[in-house]
Amino acid sequence: MSETRIALVTGANKGIGYEIAAGLGARGYTVGIGARDNERREAAVAKLRAAGVDAFGVPLDVTADDSATAAATLIEQRYGHLDALVNNAGITGGMPQEPTRVDVSIIRTVVETNVIGVIRVTNAMLPLLRRSAAPRIVNMSSSVGSLTRQSGAGGVTTTGPVAVAYAPSKSFLNAVTLQYAREFTGTAILINAACPGFVATDLNGFRGVRTPEQGAATAIRLAMLPDGGPTGGFFEDDGEVPW
């Protein structure tokens, strides 16, 4: 087996995904830049290479089965295995999203990307991850995926706007992460959800208070967990996030 550590980050052509790729690359990983926009993907690869990162482009639309399969084939042909998968690609679906007024097609679209897309890509990459000595999967969630924080339970301040598509999609993703962790019991695969905090990206109109580099830190840490590290957890910089 090659000693080169290979990572794939979806939605990595900009924002938090780009910084996750940059951070893993700076730590010695060869990083696949997963993105569906050819021009933006290759621009990100060029920028990372100029910074000394061993990056390569991976055409990937997380909403398409054939695209996920082709991405796995590309990585298999080049490297034969995958050590870390960061499922970062996600959308909000646009606002407002009050449940009494939302178009249900928006909910379908958001879940297709934020949840089903993660399952689709993860399953496509699993044969490659199983060839790694220390496979790691990180699903990028959000504080709004915490039902505790959404409800204000236990005196916790409620977080985020009313968003019947985006927020529940992240709660769904957290639940999916737990189900994978249960299935992976007894294997070397560690899978966790990461909360980046309120990061200034185009996802929120750059209203966030954290930088993309700050938002990438927890995902990078989880992608590099040592053997025996946590699995089936939900983490942010300060520790575990309440479910």
Protein backbone atom coordinates (compact mmCIF):
# COMPACT_ATOMS: atom_id res chain seq x y z
CA MET A 1 0.00 0.00 0.00
CA SER A 2 1.26 3.48 -0.82
CA GLU A 3 2.46 5.54 2.13
CA THR A 4 1.07 8.69 0.54
CA ARG A 5 -1.99 9.87 2.44
CA ILE A 6 -4.84 10.72 0.08
CA ALA A 7 -7.79 12.92 0.96
CA LEU A 8 -10.90 14.00 -0.93
CA VAL A 9 -12.75 17.16 0.02
CA THR A 10 -16.08 17.85 -1.68
CA GLY A 11 -17.08 21.42 -2.44
CA ALA A 12 -13.41 22.34 -2.12
CA ASN A 13 -13.08 25.03 -4.77
CA LYS A 14 -13.85 27.84 -2.28
CA GLY A 15 -14.64 28.79 1.30
CA ILE A 16 -14.34 26.28 4.11
CA GLY A 17 -13.78 23.36 1.73
CA TYR A 18 -10.82 25.09 0.13
CA GLU A 19 -9.27 25.78 3.54
CA ILE A 20 -9.79 22.16 4.62
CA ALA A 21 -7.95 21.06 1.50
CA ALA A 22 -5.20 23.61 2.11
CA GLY A 23 -4.84 22.51 5.73
CA LEU A 24 -4.64 18.82 4.90
CA GLY A 25 -2.22 19.56 2.08
CA ALA A 26 0.01 21.53 4.43
CA ARG A 27 0.09 18.46 6.67
CA GLY A 28 1.34 16.18 3.93
CA TYR A 29 -1.83 14.87 2.29
CA THR A 30 -2.33 14.65 -1.44
CA VAL A 31 -5.72 16.30 -1.75
CA GLY A 32 -8.48 15.78 -4.28
CA ILE A 33 -10.45 18.96 -4.93
CA GLY A 34 -14.00 17.79 -5.50
CA ALA A 35 -16.21 20.30 -7.32
CA ARG A 36 -18.67 20.30 -10.19
CA ASP A 37 -17.61 23.63 -11.71
CA ASN A 38 -14.65 22.82 -13.96
CA GLU A 39 -13.20 26.33 -14.10
CA ARG A 40 -13.42 27.01 -10.37
CA ARG A 41 -12.10 23.55 -9.52
CA GLU A 42 -9.02 23.91 -11.68
CA ALA A 43 -8.40 27.44 -10.43
CA ALA A 44 -8.43 26.12 -6.86
CA VAL A 45 -6.05 23.29 -7.79
CA ALA A 46 -3.66 25.77 -9.41
CA LYS A 47 -3.75 28.05 -6.36
CA LEU A 48 -3.10 25.18 -3.98
CA ARG A 49 -0.24 23.86 -6.08
CA ALA A 50 1.30 27.32 -6.15
CA ALA A 51 1.19 27.21 -2.33
CA GLY A 52 3.01 23.88 -2.29
CA VAL A 53 0.03 21.56 -1.86
CA ASP A 54 -0.07 18.32 -3.85
CA ALA A 55 -3.60 18.85 -5.17
CA PHE A 56 -5.54 17.29 -8.02
CA GLY A 57 -8.96 17.99 -9.47
CA VAL A 58 -11.89 15.60 -9.04
CA PRO A 59 -14.95 16.41 -11.16
CA LEU A 60 -17.80 15.72 -8.76
CA ASP A 61 -21.49 16.53 -8.58
CA VAL A 62 -22.67 15.02 -5.30
CA THR A 63 -26.25 14.82 -6.58
CA ALA A 64 -25.37 12.41 -9.42
CA ASP A 65 -24.63 8.69 -9.02
CA ASP A 66 -22.49 8.47 -12.14
CA SER A 67 -20.41 11.45 -11.06
CA ALA A 68 -19.66 9.90 -7.65
CA THR A 69 -18.76 6.60 -9.32
CA ALA A 70 -16.47 8.34 -11.80
CA ALA A 71 -14.76 10.25 -8.99
CA ALA A 72 -14.05 7.01 -7.15
CA THR A 73 -12.68 5.45 -10.33
CA LEU A 74 -10.38 8.42 -10.88
CA ILE A 75 -8.92 8.16 -7.36
CA GLU A 76 -8.59 4.38 -7.61
CA GLN A 77 -6.71 4.58 -10.90
CA ARG A 78 -4.32 7.23 -9.60
CA TYR A 79 -3.73 6.16 -6.00
CA GLY A 80 -5.57 2.93 -5.26
CA HIS A 81 -6.87 4.04 -1.88
CA LEU A 82 -8.32 6.93 0.12
CA ASP A 83 -7.40 7.88 3.67
CA ALA A 84 -9.73 10.77 4.41
CA LEU A 85 -13.08 11.86 2.99
CA VAL A 86 -14.49 15.25 3.98
CA ASN A 87 -18.09 15.66 2.87
CA ASN A 88 -18.17 19.45 2.78
CA ALA A 89 -20.39 20.27 -0.21
CA GLY A 90 -23.67 21.82 0.89
CA ILE A 91 -26.34 24.37 0.07
CA THR A 92 -28.85 26.43 2.07
CA GLY A 93 -31.62 26.46 -0.53
CA GLY A 94 -32.04 30.20 -0.09
CA MET A 95 -34.04 32.16 2.45
CA PRO A 96 -36.64 32.68 3.85
CA GLN A 97 -37.58 29.14 4.86
CA GLU A 98 -40.52 29.49 7.21
CA PRO A 99 -42.23 26.06 7.30
CA THR A 100 -45.67 27.55 6.63
CA ARG A 101 -44.52 29.24 3.42
CA VAL A 102 -41.69 27.17 1.99
CA ASP A 103 -41.90 25.48 -1.40
CA VAL A 104 -41.40 21.79 -0.61
CA SER A 105 -39.21 21.44 -3.70
CA ILE A 106 -36.59 23.51 -1.85
CA ILE A 107 -36.54 20.96 0.95
CA ARG A 108 -36.06 18.13 -1.54
CA THR A 109 -33.19 19.97 -3.24
CA VAL A 110 -31.40 20.75 0.02
CA VAL A 111 -31.74 17.20 1.35
CA GLU A 112 -30.56 15.78 -1.97
CA THR A 113 -27.29 17.71 -1.65
CA ASN A 114 -26.71 17.91 2.10
CA VAL A 115 -27.78 14.40 3.07
CA ILE A 116 -28.27 12.05 0.14
CA GLY A 117 -25.20 13.51 -1.55
CA VAL A 118 -23.12 12.61 1.49
CA ILE A 119 -24.44 9.05 1.48
CA ARG A 120 -23.87 8.77 -2.26
CA VAL A 121 -20.25 9.95 -2.14
CA THR A 122 -19.41 8.05 1.05
CA ASN A 123 -20.66 4.77 -0.36
CA ALA A 124 -18.82 5.34 -3.63
CA MET A 125 -15.57 5.95 -1.74
CA LEU A 126 -15.92 3.16 0.83
CA PRO A 127 -14.01 0.51 -1.15
CA LEU A 128 -11.06 2.93 -1.35
CA LEU A 129 -11.33 3.92 2.31
CA ARG A 130 -11.30 0.28 3.36
CA ARG A 131 -7.86 -0.03 1.76
CA SER A 132 -6.48 2.60 4.15
CA ALA A 133 -4.81 1.69 7.42
CA ALA A 134 -6.55 4.62 9.12
CA PRO A 135 -9.67 5.69 7.18
CA ARG A 136 -11.45 8.82 8.35
CA ILE A 137 -14.74 10.40 7.26
CA VAL A 138 -15.85 13.90 8.25
CA ASN A 139 -19.33 15.22 7.54
CA MET A 140 -19.61 18.99 7.64
CA SER A 141 -22.61 19.85 9.76
CA SER A 142 -23.61 23.10 11.48
CA SER A 143 -24.65 24.37 14.88
CA VAL A 144 -28.17 24.65 13.46
CA GLY A 145 -28.15 20.87 13.15
CA SER A 146 -28.19 20.63 16.94
CA LEU A 147 -31.76 20.09 18.11
CA THR A 148 -30.67 21.27 21.56
CA ARG A 149 -29.47 24.57 20.20
CA GLN A 150 -32.44 24.94 17.86
CA SER A 151 -34.94 24.39 20.64
CA GLY A 152 -33.15 26.30 23.37
CA ALA A 153 -33.34 23.22 25.60
CA GLY A 154 -31.49 23.34 28.89
CA GLY A 155 -31.12 27.10 28.74
CA VAL A 156 -29.05 26.99 25.55
CA THR A 157 -29.55 30.07 23.38
CA THR A 158 -31.33 29.26 20.14
CA THR A 159 -29.14 29.46 17.07
CA GLY A 160 -29.72 30.42 13.44
CA PRO A 161 -32.86 31.57 11.63
CA VAL A 162 -36.03 29.57 11.11
CA ALA A 163 -34.96 27.40 8.18
CA VAL A 164 -37.10 24.32 7.55
CA ALA A 165 -34.86 23.04 4.73
CA TYR A 166 -31.30 23.82 5.80
CA ALA A 167 -31.36 23.30 9.58
CA PRO A 168 -33.20 19.94 9.52
CA SER A 169 -30.91 18.77 6.71
CA LYS A 170 -27.99 19.13 9.10
CA SER A 171 -29.89 17.34 11.88
CA PHE A 172 -30.59 14.57 9.34
CA LEU A 173 -26.91 14.49 8.44
CA ASN A 174 -25.95 14.13 12.10
CA ALA A 175 -28.35 11.20 12.42
CA VAL A 176 -26.90 9.61 9.28
CA THR A 177 -23.39 10.02 10.72
CA LEU A 178 -24.46 8.08 13.81
CA GLN A 179 -25.90 5.26 11.70
CA TYR A 180 -22.64 4.93 9.76
CA ALA A 181 -20.68 4.88 13.02
CA ARG A 182 -22.87 2.05 14.29
CA GLU A 183 -22.33 0.06 11.11
CA PHE A 184 -18.58 0.69 11.21
CA THR A 185 -18.25 -0.68 14.76
CA GLY A 186 -15.30 -3.05 14.88
CA THR A 187 -13.61 -1.53 11.81
CA ALA A 188 -10.83 1.03 11.48
CA ILE A 189 -13.17 3.65 10.00
CA LEU A 190 -13.85 6.67 12.21
CA ILE A 191 -16.69 8.98 11.14
CA ASN A 192 -17.72 12.23 12.79
CA ALA A 193 -19.65 15.42 12.14
CA ALA A 194 -17.94 18.80 12.34
CA CYS A 195 -19.39 22.22 13.15
CA PRO A 196 -17.33 25.06 11.61
CA GLY A 197 -19.06 27.88 13.48
CA PHE A 198 -20.54 30.99 11.89
CA VAL A 199 -18.06 31.44 9.05
CA ALA A 200 -18.13 34.28 6.55
CA THR A 201 -18.84 32.55 3.22
CA ASP A 202 -21.14 33.10 0.28
CA LEU A 203 -23.48 30.58 1.92
CA ASN A 204 -24.54 33.29 4.39
CA GLY A 205 -23.75 36.40 2.38
CA PHE A 206 -20.39 36.71 4.21
CA ARG A 207 -22.16 37.70 7.43
CA GLY A 208 -20.22 35.21 9.53
CA VAL A 209 -17.74 36.22 12.21
CA ARG A 210 -15.17 33.48 11.62
CA THR A 211 -12.75 33.04 8.75
CA PRO A 212 -12.91 29.98 6.48
CA GLU A 213 -9.53 28.95 7.84
CA GLN A 214 -10.93 28.99 11.38
CA GLY A 215 -13.99 27.08 10.21
CA ALA A 216 -11.79 24.38 8.68
CA ALA A 217 -9.86 23.58 11.87
CA THR A 218 -12.21 21.01 13.42
CA ALA A 219 -12.66 19.12 10.15
CA ILE A 220 -8.90 18.93 9.66
CA ARG A 221 -8.46 17.57 13.17
CA LEU A 222 -11.16 14.94 12.71
CA ALA A 223 -9.71 13.89 9.34
CA MET A 224 -6.41 13.17 11.08
CA LEU A 225 -7.66 11.40 14.21
CA PRO A 226 -5.32 8.78 15.66
CA ASP A 227 -6.44 5.19 15.99
CA GLY A 228 -8.82 4.83 18.88
CA GLY A 229 -10.15 8.35 18.39
CA PRO A 230 -13.83 9.22 18.72
CA THR A 231 -16.42 8.11 16.21
CA GLY A 232 -20.09 8.94 15.82
CA GLY A 233 -19.58 12.33 17.46
CA PHE A 234 -20.47 15.96 16.69
CA PHE A 235 -17.61 18.37 17.34
CA GLU A 236 -16.62 22.03 17.17
CA ASP A 237 -13.44 23.81 18.23
CA ASP A 238 -14.42 23.83 21.91
CA GLY A 239 -15.40 20.17 22.06
CA GLU A 240 -18.59 18.20 21.54
CA VAL A 241 -21.74 19.85 20.26
CA PRO A 242 -25.00 18.82 22.00
CA TRP A 243 -27.25 16.79 19.74
